[in-house]
Amino acid sequence: MALTIQRKKQIVADVHHQAQVGLSLVAAEYSGLTVRQMTALRNKARAAGIFLKVIKNSLARKAFEGTSFMAANDSLKGQLVYFIGREAPGVAARLARDFAKENDKLKVRVLAVGHSVYDAQHLDAVAKLPTKDEALAQLLACMQAPITKFVQTLAAPSAKLVRTLSAVQESKS
């Protein structure tokens, strides 16, 4: 069933909006996946807050115009499913990587984070990017470490004095 011009415009507008608010893009070939596998992929994407869409590459190119994913337009070839991660840069790549491990028919072709485009070899690196909460926790740990070390350094002489006094008292008894 052919799409009408109005429906194509609506699809392009929807994908364009998602691309504007998205942090990362993953485009993967999906030919050979069953309907059940695609449904499972859609359900996992929905649960993870990832926009997932199968559209023609020509419509995707139009949708990505004026967004940070425009640099990926030259790499969009073949039957592709598009993942757009909105919560964190690594979320879409993580889903694609994990699903591809279970289903060898899904093959990641293009990754985009911001204005940078990567090939499938960088999938693991992008998938390992921390979420916002993880990054904040790492930052907090880095900020807290010097303060903790400072307090330990200040407390060390008094702790040593207490140990020395305790040892002297024990030797007298």
N, C-alpha and C. Protein backbone atom coordinates (compact mmCIF):
# COMPACT_ATOMS: atom_id res chain seq x y z
N MET A 1 0.85 -1.18 0.00
CA MET A 1 0.00 0.00 0.00
C MET A 1 0.89 1.24 0.00
N ALA A 2 0.72 2.06 -0.99
CA ALA A 2 1.55 3.26 -1.15
C ALA A 2 1.12 4.34 -0.15
N LEU A 3 2.10 5.08 0.30
CA LEU A 3 1.84 6.18 1.22
C LEU A 3 1.41 7.41 0.45
N THR A 4 0.46 8.14 0.99
CA THR A 4 0.06 9.39 0.36
C THR A 4 1.08 10.47 0.70
N ILE A 5 1.07 11.53 -0.08
CA ILE A 5 1.98 12.65 0.17
C ILE A 5 1.76 13.21 1.58
N GLN A 6 0.50 13.31 1.97
CA GLN A 6 0.18 13.85 3.30
C GLN A 6 0.75 12.96 4.40
N ARG A 7 0.62 11.64 4.24
CA ARG A 7 1.15 10.71 5.25
C ARG A 7 2.68 10.77 5.29
N LYS A 8 3.32 10.89 4.12
CA LYS A 8 4.78 11.01 4.07
C LYS A 8 5.24 12.27 4.80
N LYS A 9 4.52 13.38 4.60
CA LYS A 9 4.87 14.63 5.28
C LYS A 9 4.73 14.49 6.78
N GLN A 10 3.69 13.79 7.21
CA GLN A 10 3.47 13.57 8.63
C GLN A 10 4.60 12.72 9.22
N ILE A 11 5.00 11.67 8.52
CA ILE A 11 6.09 10.79 8.99
C ILE A 11 7.38 11.58 9.09
N VAL A 12 7.68 12.37 8.06
CA VAL A 12 8.90 13.18 8.06
C VAL A 12 8.88 14.17 9.22
N ALA A 13 7.74 14.79 9.47
CA ALA A 13 7.63 15.74 10.58
C ALA A 13 7.83 15.05 11.93
N ASP A 14 7.25 13.86 12.10
CA ASP A 14 7.40 13.11 13.36
C ASP A 14 8.87 12.72 13.59
N VAL A 15 9.50 12.19 12.56
CA VAL A 15 10.90 11.77 12.70
C VAL A 15 11.80 12.99 12.89
N HIS A 16 11.49 14.09 12.20
CA HIS A 16 12.27 15.31 12.35
C HIS A 16 12.21 15.81 13.80
N HIS A 17 11.03 15.79 14.37
CA HIS A 17 10.88 16.22 15.77
C HIS A 17 11.71 15.32 16.69
N GLN A 18 11.64 14.02 16.49
CA GLN A 18 12.41 13.10 17.32
C GLN A 18 13.91 13.32 17.15
N ALA A 19 14.33 13.61 15.91
CA ALA A 19 15.76 13.86 15.64
C ALA A 19 16.23 15.16 16.30
N GLN A 20 15.35 16.14 16.39
CA GLN A 20 15.71 17.40 17.03
C GLN A 20 15.96 17.22 18.53
N VAL A 21 15.16 16.40 19.18
CA VAL A 21 15.30 16.21 20.62
C VAL A 21 16.19 15.02 20.96
N GLY A 22 16.55 14.22 19.95
CA GLY A 22 17.36 13.03 20.18
C GLY A 22 18.82 13.34 20.41
N LEU A 23 19.47 12.47 21.18
CA LEU A 23 20.89 12.62 21.46
C LEU A 23 21.75 11.70 20.59
N SER A 24 21.17 10.57 20.16
CA SER A 24 21.94 9.64 19.34
C SER A 24 21.03 8.93 18.35
N LEU A 25 21.66 8.49 17.27
CA LEU A 25 20.95 7.78 16.20
C LEU A 25 21.70 6.49 15.91
N VAL A 26 20.95 5.42 15.75
CA VAL A 26 21.50 4.14 15.30
C VAL A 26 20.64 3.70 14.13
N ALA A 27 21.29 3.38 13.02
CA ALA A 27 20.58 2.83 11.86
C ALA A 27 21.11 1.43 11.64
N ALA A 28 20.19 0.45 11.56
CA ALA A 28 20.59 -0.94 11.44
C ALA A 28 19.76 -1.65 10.37
N GLU A 29 20.41 -2.55 9.65
CA GLU A 29 19.69 -3.39 8.69
C GLU A 29 18.92 -4.44 9.47
N TYR A 30 17.69 -4.67 9.05
CA TYR A 30 16.84 -5.59 9.78
C TYR A 30 16.30 -6.72 8.91
N SER A 31 16.68 -6.81 7.65
CA SER A 31 16.11 -7.83 6.78
C SER A 31 16.46 -9.21 7.32
N GLY A 32 15.45 -10.07 7.35
CA GLY A 32 15.62 -11.41 7.89
C GLY A 32 15.01 -11.57 9.27
N LEU A 33 14.69 -10.46 9.94
CA LEU A 33 14.03 -10.55 11.24
C LEU A 33 12.56 -10.90 11.04
N THR A 34 12.04 -11.72 11.90
CA THR A 34 10.64 -12.10 11.83
C THR A 34 9.78 -10.99 12.43
N VAL A 35 8.50 -11.09 12.20
CA VAL A 35 7.56 -10.12 12.77
C VAL A 35 7.62 -10.19 14.30
N ARG A 36 7.73 -11.38 14.84
CA ARG A 36 7.82 -11.55 16.30
C ARG A 36 9.08 -10.88 16.84
N GLN A 37 10.20 -11.02 16.14
CA GLN A 37 11.44 -10.39 16.59
C GLN A 37 11.34 -8.86 16.51
N MET A 38 10.75 -8.34 15.43
CA MET A 38 10.57 -6.89 15.31
C MET A 38 9.63 -6.36 16.39
N THR A 39 8.60 -7.11 16.70
CA THR A 39 7.68 -6.71 17.77
C THR A 39 8.41 -6.67 19.11
N ALA A 40 9.24 -7.67 19.36
CA ALA A 40 10.03 -7.69 20.60
C ALA A 40 10.98 -6.49 20.65
N LEU A 41 11.60 -6.17 19.51
CA LEU A 41 12.49 -5.01 19.44
C LEU A 41 11.73 -3.72 19.71
N ARG A 42 10.56 -3.58 19.12
CA ARG A 42 9.74 -2.38 19.36
C ARG A 42 9.35 -2.26 20.84
N ASN A 43 8.98 -3.39 21.44
CA ASN A 43 8.60 -3.36 22.86
C ASN A 43 9.77 -2.96 23.75
N LYS A 44 10.96 -3.49 23.46
CA LYS A 44 12.14 -3.12 24.23
C LYS A 44 12.48 -1.65 24.04
N ALA A 45 12.34 -1.16 22.82
CA ALA A 45 12.61 0.25 22.55
C ALA A 45 11.63 1.15 23.30
N ARG A 46 10.38 0.79 23.27
CA ARG A 46 9.35 1.57 23.97
C ARG A 46 9.64 1.60 25.47
N ALA A 47 10.01 0.45 26.03
CA ALA A 47 10.29 0.37 27.47
C ALA A 47 11.52 1.20 27.84
N ALA A 48 12.48 1.31 26.92
CA ALA A 48 13.71 2.06 27.19
C ALA A 48 13.59 3.54 26.82
N GLY A 49 12.44 3.96 26.30
CA GLY A 49 12.26 5.37 25.93
C GLY A 49 12.96 5.72 24.64
N ILE A 50 13.10 4.76 23.74
CA ILE A 50 13.79 4.96 22.47
C ILE A 50 12.75 5.04 21.35
N PHE A 51 12.91 6.02 20.48
CA PHE A 51 12.06 6.13 19.31
C PHE A 51 12.60 5.16 18.27
N LEU A 52 11.75 4.28 17.75
CA LEU A 52 12.16 3.29 16.77
C LEU A 52 11.21 3.37 15.58
N LYS A 53 11.76 3.46 14.38
CA LYS A 53 10.91 3.62 13.20
C LYS A 53 11.57 2.97 12.00
N VAL A 54 10.76 2.30 11.19
CA VAL A 54 11.20 1.78 9.89
C VAL A 54 10.57 2.69 8.85
N ILE A 55 11.41 3.43 8.14
CA ILE A 55 10.92 4.31 7.06
C ILE A 55 11.90 4.26 5.91
N LYS A 56 11.44 4.75 4.77
CA LYS A 56 12.32 4.81 3.61
C LYS A 56 13.48 5.76 3.90
N ASN A 57 14.63 5.43 3.34
CA ASN A 57 15.82 6.25 3.57
C ASN A 57 15.65 7.66 3.03
N SER A 58 14.92 7.80 1.92
CA SER A 58 14.72 9.14 1.35
C SER A 58 13.91 10.01 2.32
N LEU A 59 12.94 9.41 3.01
CA LEU A 59 12.17 10.16 4.00
C LEU A 59 13.02 10.47 5.22
N ALA A 60 13.87 9.52 5.60
CA ALA A 60 14.75 9.74 6.75
C ALA A 60 15.72 10.88 6.46
N ARG A 61 16.26 10.93 5.24
CA ARG A 61 17.18 12.01 4.88
C ARG A 61 16.49 13.37 5.00
N LYS A 62 15.25 13.45 4.53
CA LYS A 62 14.50 14.70 4.64
C LYS A 62 14.23 15.03 6.10
N ALA A 63 13.93 14.02 6.89
CA ALA A 63 13.62 14.25 8.31
C ALA A 63 14.85 14.72 9.07
N PHE A 64 16.04 14.25 8.68
CA PHE A 64 17.26 14.61 9.40
C PHE A 64 17.84 15.96 8.98
N GLU A 65 17.30 16.55 7.92
CA GLU A 65 17.78 17.87 7.48
C GLU A 65 17.53 18.88 8.60
N GLY A 66 18.56 19.67 8.88
CA GLY A 66 18.45 20.70 9.91
C GLY A 66 18.61 20.17 11.32
N THR A 67 19.00 18.91 11.46
CA THR A 67 19.24 18.34 12.79
C THR A 67 20.70 17.91 12.89
N SER A 68 21.11 17.49 14.06
CA SER A 68 22.50 17.06 14.24
C SER A 68 22.78 15.74 13.53
N PHE A 69 21.75 15.02 13.11
CA PHE A 69 21.95 13.73 12.44
C PHE A 69 22.08 13.87 10.93
N MET A 70 22.05 15.08 10.43
CA MET A 70 22.13 15.32 8.99
C MET A 70 23.43 14.75 8.40
N ALA A 71 24.49 14.71 9.18
CA ALA A 71 25.77 14.19 8.71
C ALA A 71 25.70 12.70 8.37
N ALA A 72 24.72 12.00 8.89
CA ALA A 72 24.58 10.57 8.63
C ALA A 72 23.85 10.27 7.32
N ASN A 73 23.31 11.29 6.67
CA ASN A 73 22.50 11.07 5.47
C ASN A 73 23.22 10.30 4.37
N ASP A 74 24.50 10.53 4.18
CA ASP A 74 25.23 9.84 3.11
C ASP A 74 25.38 8.35 3.39
N SER A 75 25.25 7.93 4.62
CA SER A 75 25.46 6.53 5.00
C SER A 75 24.17 5.71 5.04
N LEU A 76 23.04 6.33 4.75
CA LEU A 76 21.75 5.64 4.87
C LEU A 76 21.45 4.86 3.59
N LYS A 77 21.80 3.56 3.61
CA LYS A 77 21.59 2.69 2.45
C LYS A 77 21.08 1.35 2.94
N GLY A 78 20.16 0.76 2.19
CA GLY A 78 19.61 -0.54 2.55
C GLY A 78 18.34 -0.41 3.35
N GLN A 79 17.79 -1.57 3.75
CA GLN A 79 16.59 -1.59 4.58
C GLN A 79 17.00 -1.32 6.02
N LEU A 80 16.65 -0.14 6.52
CA LEU A 80 17.12 0.28 7.84
C LEU A 80 15.98 0.53 8.81
N VAL A 81 16.25 0.21 10.05
CA VAL A 81 15.40 0.59 11.15
C VAL A 81 16.19 1.65 11.92
N TYR A 82 15.51 2.70 12.33
CA TYR A 82 16.17 3.84 12.97
C TYR A 82 15.82 3.87 14.47
N PHE A 83 16.85 3.94 15.29
CA PHE A 83 16.71 4.08 16.74
C PHE A 83 17.16 5.51 17.07
N ILE A 84 16.36 6.25 17.79
CA ILE A 84 16.76 7.57 18.25
C ILE A 84 16.66 7.59 19.77
N GLY A 85 17.83 7.75 20.41
CA GLY A 85 17.89 7.79 21.86
C GLY A 85 17.70 9.21 22.35
N ARG A 86 16.75 9.39 23.25
CA ARG A 86 16.43 10.73 23.74
C ARG A 86 16.94 10.97 25.15
N GLU A 87 17.10 9.92 25.94
CA GLU A 87 17.47 10.07 27.35
C GLU A 87 18.97 10.21 27.56
N ALA A 88 19.74 9.41 26.84
CA ALA A 88 21.21 9.42 26.98
C ALA A 88 21.81 8.97 25.66
N PRO A 89 23.02 9.40 25.34
CA PRO A 89 23.61 9.05 24.04
C PRO A 89 23.82 7.56 23.83
N GLY A 90 24.06 6.79 24.88
CA GLY A 90 24.37 5.38 24.71
C GLY A 90 23.18 4.43 24.75
N VAL A 91 22.00 4.94 25.05
CA VAL A 91 20.84 4.07 25.24
C VAL A 91 20.45 3.34 23.96
N ALA A 92 20.36 4.05 22.85
CA ALA A 92 19.95 3.42 21.59
C ALA A 92 21.01 2.42 21.13
N ALA A 93 22.27 2.77 21.27
CA ALA A 93 23.35 1.86 20.88
C ALA A 93 23.35 0.61 21.76
N ARG A 94 23.06 0.78 23.04
CA ARG A 94 23.01 -0.37 23.95
C ARG A 94 21.90 -1.33 23.55
N LEU A 95 20.72 -0.79 23.23
CA LEU A 95 19.61 -1.64 22.80
C LEU A 95 19.96 -2.37 21.51
N ALA A 96 20.50 -1.65 20.53
CA ALA A 96 20.85 -2.27 19.25
C ALA A 96 21.91 -3.34 19.44
N ARG A 97 22.92 -3.06 20.26
CA ARG A 97 23.99 -4.04 20.51
C ARG A 97 23.44 -5.28 21.18
N ASP A 98 22.64 -5.10 22.23
CA ASP A 98 22.11 -6.24 22.97
C ASP A 98 21.16 -7.07 22.11
N PHE A 99 20.33 -6.40 21.31
CA PHE A 99 19.39 -7.13 20.46
C PHE A 99 20.13 -7.86 19.35
N ALA A 100 21.19 -7.25 18.81
CA ALA A 100 21.97 -7.88 17.75
C ALA A 100 22.70 -9.12 18.26
N LYS A 101 23.06 -9.15 19.54
CA LYS A 101 23.69 -10.34 20.12
C LYS A 101 22.73 -11.52 20.10
N GLU A 102 21.45 -11.25 20.35
CA GLU A 102 20.43 -12.30 20.37
C GLU A 102 19.95 -12.66 18.97
N ASN A 103 19.96 -11.69 18.06
CA ASN A 103 19.42 -11.86 16.71
C ASN A 103 20.45 -11.40 15.69
N ASP A 104 21.13 -12.35 15.09
CA ASP A 104 22.23 -12.01 14.19
C ASP A 104 21.79 -11.35 12.89
N LYS A 105 20.50 -11.28 12.64
CA LYS A 105 20.00 -10.63 11.42
C LYS A 105 20.03 -9.11 11.52
N LEU A 106 20.04 -8.57 12.74
CA LEU A 106 20.13 -7.12 12.94
C LEU A 106 21.59 -6.70 12.87
N LYS A 107 21.91 -5.86 11.90
CA LYS A 107 23.29 -5.43 11.69
C LYS A 107 23.35 -3.91 11.71
N VAL A 108 24.03 -3.37 12.71
CA VAL A 108 24.17 -1.92 12.83
C VAL A 108 25.08 -1.41 11.72
N ARG A 109 24.65 -0.36 11.04
CA ARG A 109 25.42 0.22 9.93
C ARG A 109 25.96 1.60 10.25
N VAL A 110 25.17 2.42 10.95
CA VAL A 110 25.55 3.81 11.18
C VAL A 110 25.18 4.21 12.61
N LEU A 111 26.07 4.97 13.23
CA LEU A 111 25.82 5.56 14.55
C LEU A 111 26.07 7.06 14.43
N ALA A 112 25.28 7.82 15.11
CA ALA A 112 25.52 9.27 15.15
C ALA A 112 25.24 9.75 16.58
N VAL A 113 26.21 10.49 17.09
CA VAL A 113 26.05 11.13 18.39
C VAL A 113 26.36 12.60 18.16
N GLY A 114 25.35 13.42 18.34
CA GLY A 114 25.52 14.84 18.01
C GLY A 114 25.78 14.97 16.53
N HIS A 115 26.79 15.75 16.16
CA HIS A 115 27.12 15.95 14.75
C HIS A 115 28.15 14.94 14.25
N SER A 116 28.57 14.01 15.08
CA SER A 116 29.59 13.03 14.70
C SER A 116 28.94 11.73 14.24
N VAL A 117 29.47 11.18 13.15
CA VAL A 117 28.96 9.93 12.59
C VAL A 117 30.04 8.86 12.73
N TYR A 118 29.63 7.67 13.15
CA TYR A 118 30.56 6.56 13.35
C TYR A 118 30.04 5.34 12.60
N ASP A 119 30.95 4.42 12.29
CA ASP A 119 30.50 3.17 11.68
C ASP A 119 30.24 2.14 12.78
N ALA A 120 29.85 0.94 12.38
CA ALA A 120 29.42 -0.09 13.32
C ALA A 120 30.54 -0.53 14.26
N GLN A 121 31.78 -0.31 13.89
CA GLN A 121 32.90 -0.72 14.76
C GLN A 121 32.88 0.02 16.10
N HIS A 122 32.27 1.17 16.14
CA HIS A 122 32.24 1.99 17.36
C HIS A 122 30.99 1.74 18.22
N LEU A 123 30.24 0.71 17.88
CA LEU A 123 28.99 0.43 18.60
C LEU A 123 29.23 0.22 20.09
N ASP A 124 30.21 -0.60 20.45
CA ASP A 124 30.48 -0.86 21.86
C ASP A 124 30.89 0.41 22.61
N ALA A 125 31.71 1.23 21.98
CA ALA A 125 32.17 2.47 22.63
C ALA A 125 30.99 3.39 22.91
N VAL A 126 30.09 3.53 21.95
CA VAL A 126 28.92 4.40 22.13
C VAL A 126 27.96 3.77 23.15
N ALA A 127 27.81 2.45 23.10
CA ALA A 127 26.90 1.77 24.03
C ALA A 127 27.38 1.89 25.47
N LYS A 128 28.68 2.04 25.67
CA LYS A 128 29.23 2.14 27.02
C LYS A 128 29.15 3.56 27.60
N LEU A 129 28.68 4.52 26.81
CA LEU A 129 28.53 5.87 27.33
C LEU A 129 27.55 5.85 28.51
N PRO A 130 27.85 6.56 29.57
CA PRO A 130 26.98 6.51 30.76
C PRO A 130 25.68 7.29 30.54
N THR A 131 24.67 6.89 31.30
CA THR A 131 23.43 7.65 31.32
C THR A 131 23.67 8.92 32.13
N LYS A 132 22.70 9.78 32.15
CA LYS A 132 22.84 11.04 32.89
C LYS A 132 23.07 10.76 34.38
N ASP A 133 22.31 9.85 34.94
CA ASP A 133 22.46 9.52 36.37
C ASP A 133 23.83 8.92 36.67
N GLU A 134 24.30 8.03 35.78
CA GLU A 134 25.62 7.43 35.97
C GLU A 134 26.72 8.49 35.88
N ALA A 135 26.59 9.40 34.92
CA ALA A 135 27.60 10.45 34.77
C ALA A 135 27.61 11.38 35.98
N LEU A 136 26.44 11.71 36.50
CA LEU A 136 26.37 12.55 37.70
C LEU A 136 26.98 11.83 38.91
N ALA A 137 26.73 10.53 39.01
CA ALA A 137 27.31 9.77 40.12
C ALA A 137 28.83 9.74 40.02
N GLN A 138 29.36 9.56 38.82
CA GLN A 138 30.81 9.56 38.61
C GLN A 138 31.40 10.93 38.95
N LEU A 139 30.72 11.99 38.53
CA LEU A 139 31.18 13.34 38.83
C LEU A 139 31.18 13.59 40.34
N LEU A 140 30.13 13.18 41.00
CA LEU A 140 30.04 13.35 42.45
C LEU A 140 31.15 12.58 43.15
N ALA A 141 31.43 11.38 42.70
CA ALA A 141 32.51 10.59 43.30
C ALA A 141 33.85 11.28 43.11
N CYS A 142 34.07 11.86 41.94
CA CYS A 142 35.33 12.58 41.69
C CYS A 142 35.44 13.83 42.56
N MET A 143 34.33 14.49 42.77
CA MET A 143 34.35 15.70 43.59
C MET A 143 34.49 15.35 45.07
N GLN A 144 33.97 14.22 45.48
CA GLN A 144 33.98 13.83 46.87
C GLN A 144 35.32 13.24 47.30
N ALA A 145 36.05 12.63 46.39
CA ALA A 145 37.31 11.95 46.73
C ALA A 145 38.34 12.87 47.38
N PRO A 146 38.61 14.07 46.85
CA PRO A 146 39.61 14.93 47.51
C PRO A 146 39.19 15.37 48.91
N ILE A 147 37.91 15.60 49.10
CA ILE A 147 37.43 16.02 50.41
C ILE A 147 37.59 14.87 51.40
N THR A 148 37.26 13.66 50.98
CA THR A 148 37.41 12.49 51.85
C THR A 148 38.88 12.29 52.22
N LYS A 149 39.76 12.41 51.25
CA LYS A 149 41.19 12.25 51.51
C LYS A 149 41.69 13.34 52.47
N PHE A 150 41.22 14.56 52.30
CA PHE A 150 41.61 15.67 53.18
C PHE A 150 41.20 15.41 54.62
N VAL A 151 39.96 14.94 54.80
CA VAL A 151 39.47 14.64 56.15
C VAL A 151 40.28 13.51 56.76
N GLN A 152 40.60 12.48 55.97
CA GLN A 152 41.42 11.38 56.47
C GLN A 152 42.80 11.87 56.89
N THR A 153 43.37 12.77 56.12
CA THR A 153 44.69 13.32 56.44
C THR A 153 44.65 14.14 57.73
N LEU A 154 43.59 14.92 57.90
CA LEU A 154 43.45 15.69 59.14
C LEU A 154 43.25 14.79 60.35
N ALA A 155 42.55 13.70 60.18
CA ALA A 155 42.25 12.80 61.29
C ALA A 155 43.41 11.87 61.62
N ALA A 156 44.34 11.67 60.72
CA ALA A 156 45.43 10.71 60.93
C ALA A 156 46.30 11.02 62.14
N PRO A 157 46.77 12.25 62.39
CA PRO A 157 47.63 12.50 63.56
C PRO A 157 46.92 12.21 64.89
N SER A 158 45.67 12.60 64.98
CA SER A 158 44.96 12.34 66.24
C SER A 158 44.71 10.85 66.43
N ALA A 159 44.44 10.13 65.37
CA ALA A 159 44.25 8.68 65.47
C ALA A 159 45.55 8.01 65.88
N LYS A 160 46.67 8.49 65.33
CA LYS A 160 47.98 7.93 65.69
C LYS A 160 48.30 8.22 67.16
N LEU A 161 47.93 9.42 67.62
CA LEU A 161 48.15 9.77 69.02
C LEU A 161 47.35 8.87 69.94
N VAL A 162 46.10 8.61 69.58
CA VAL A 162 45.24 7.75 70.39
C VAL A 162 45.83 6.34 70.44
N ARG A 163 46.30 5.82 69.30
CA ARG A 163 46.90 4.48 69.28
C ARG A 163 48.17 4.44 70.14
N THR A 164 48.97 5.49 70.07
CA THR A 164 50.20 5.55 70.86
C THR A 164 49.88 5.58 72.35
N LEU A 165 48.92 6.41 72.75
CA LEU A 165 48.52 6.49 74.16
C LEU A 165 47.95 5.17 74.66
N SER A 166 47.19 4.52 73.81
CA SER A 166 46.61 3.22 74.18
C SER A 166 47.71 2.20 74.38
N ALA A 167 48.70 2.23 73.51
CA ALA A 167 49.83 1.29 73.62
C ALA A 167 50.62 1.57 74.90
N VAL A 168 50.83 2.83 75.25
CA VAL A 168 51.57 3.20 76.45
C VAL A 168 50.79 2.74 77.67
N GLN A 169 49.49 2.93 77.70
CA GLN A 169 48.66 2.54 78.85
C GLN A 169 48.68 1.01 79.01
N GLU A 170 48.62 0.28 77.90
CA GLU A 170 48.63 -1.18 77.97
C GLU A 170 49.99 -1.68 78.50
N SER A 171 51.05 -1.01 78.13
CA SER A 171 52.38 -1.44 78.59
C SER A 171 52.55 -1.17 80.10
N LYS A 172 51.88 -0.17 80.65
CA LYS A 172 51.96 0.14 82.08
C LYS A 172 51.15 -0.86 82.90
N SER A 173 50.13 -1.42 82.31
CA SER A 173 49.28 -2.32 83.08
C SER A 173 49.81 -3.70 83.18
